Amino acid sequence: MKTVILRLGAGAPAAISWLSTDTDSLLHKGSLAQAAAACKDALLIVLVPGLDVLLIKATTPGRNRKRAMQAAPYALEASLAADVEKLHFAFGPRNPDGSMDTAVVERECLDQWLALLREAGLEPDYMTPETLAVPYGADGWSVLLDGEVALVRCGLRAGFAVDRQNLNEALQAALKAAPASLPRHLQIYQEEEIALRLDLDLDMLPIIKKPALALLGQGVTKKSGIDLLQGEYGRNTDWDKIRELWRVPFVLVLILIALKGALFGIDFNQAKKESQALERRVEEIYRATFPQAKQVVNPRAQMEQGLSLLTGGQQSQNNFLALLARIGPQLQKTQGYNLQRLRYHGSALELELTLATLDDLNDLKERLLVNDDLSVDIRTATTANNLVSARLEIKGRK
C-alpha cells in the first residue's frame, strides 16, 4: 500500500507539498485539491508546522497511563502560555524515568488543519509535527533550515522550531538545559545555500543539501513520533461509542459462534451429553444477560431474539450472524491475530486486525475464500512495529 506524506504550511490550501511512495518518492507541489487525487487509497501522513506545536516532557506520579494522561495538562500548566482548556495534548509512550513526551497544540489550530483536509475530502491516518520528522541520530542533534525557520531535533521525541535568526541563542539555551544528554555533534540540513553563524561547543558535520520534504519523508516514523490524532481527535472515537452500544450483542454473537463450533467438533458418542451441558450454559448466560426474563423455555432461541432487539432488525442480524459464523472458524485458525475493530454496514463486514506477518494475512484470506459464497477484499495492509495492520471487507456473494 502506498504512503503519501503531505506537508501543511502557511500557504495551505493553495500551496502545499507532498511526496508519494508509489512514484519513486517524487516531490510534488500544488494545491490541497490536487494532492487529494494522489492520496486516494493511500496511507496519509500529515506533517504540521513545528512552530505551532510545543514538544515538552510531562512528569506525573503513578504508573497508570490513562490517569497520567489526564493529569499531565495540569502538571504542565505553569509552563504553558494558554489556558489548558484551549489546548490539545498528545502523548508518546512512557520513558524509562516515568515521564511522557508530550505534544501541545492549540485546539483552534488543530481544528483548522483538519477542516482544510476534510474540505478536500482527506482524512489523515497520522498527524505529527514536522519537527519530529527531521532525521535524527542518537549521538547528535539535527537542524533543518527551511526558509526563515529552523527545525531542531534533539531527541527521539524532542525538539523545537525557531526563527532562523534566533537559532544560535536557542541552541545555546537548549544545551544548557540538557547537560546530561549533550550531543557529540550537530548535523545541519538545508535545501538552499544559507549563511549561518553558530557559536557552539560542538563538532559540526558537513552540511547536507536536500529538499526539505525529501528529508522529512526519510525521518518520519510512527515509532519515533507523536500522533496528534489522540483523545477526542482520534479516529477510534466514534468506534468507542459504537462499541459500547454493541458490546452486549457482540459478546452474545461470539458466544453463539463458539457454541456452534463446539457442537460440530465434539465426539459423536458424547454429543448428547455435551449438547445438554452447552444448553445449560446458554441458559445461564441468557439469564445473566437478560435478568428480567422470567421464563426460559428455549434459551438459544430467546437469546437470538434478544440479540435481534439489541441489534435492530431480524434481516440485518441474520446477515451479520451469517457472515460471522462463516469467518469465525477461520479466525480461530489464525495464530497471533488481534481484532482491533469490527463494523457491519450495508451488506459488508469490515474487520480491522493485526497479525504477525503478511503471510498470515494472505493465509487468512485464502481460507476465507474457500467459502465460494464469500467475497474478501484487503482494503489496507501496513507494517509497523513488527506487526501487520490490515483492514478486510467481507461480503456474501449474491
Foldseek 3Di string as FASTA:
>chain_A
DKEKEWEDDPPPQAWTKMFIVVVVRDIDIGGLLVVLVVCPLHQYEYAYAQQQKAKDKFADDDDDPVVSVVCRLVSCVVVDDDDSVQKAKFWDDADPVRIITIIIGGPVVVVVVQVRQVVSVHDHPFYFHLLLLAADDQQEKEWEDDPQKIRIGDDLEDTGMDGQVCVQVVVVVVCVVCVPRHHQAYEYEYQDDDDHDHDDPHHYDDYHHDDSVSNSVVRDDPNSTIGSCDDPNPPCPVVVVVCVLCVVLVVLLVLVLVLVVVLVPDDPVCNVVVVVVSQVVLQVVQCVSCVVDDDPDRSVVVSVVVSCVSVPHDVQSVLVSVVCSLLVVLVVVQPPKDWDGWDDDDQKIKTKIKHQDVVSVVVSVVVSVVPVQKDKDWSDWDDDPNIIITMIIMGGHD
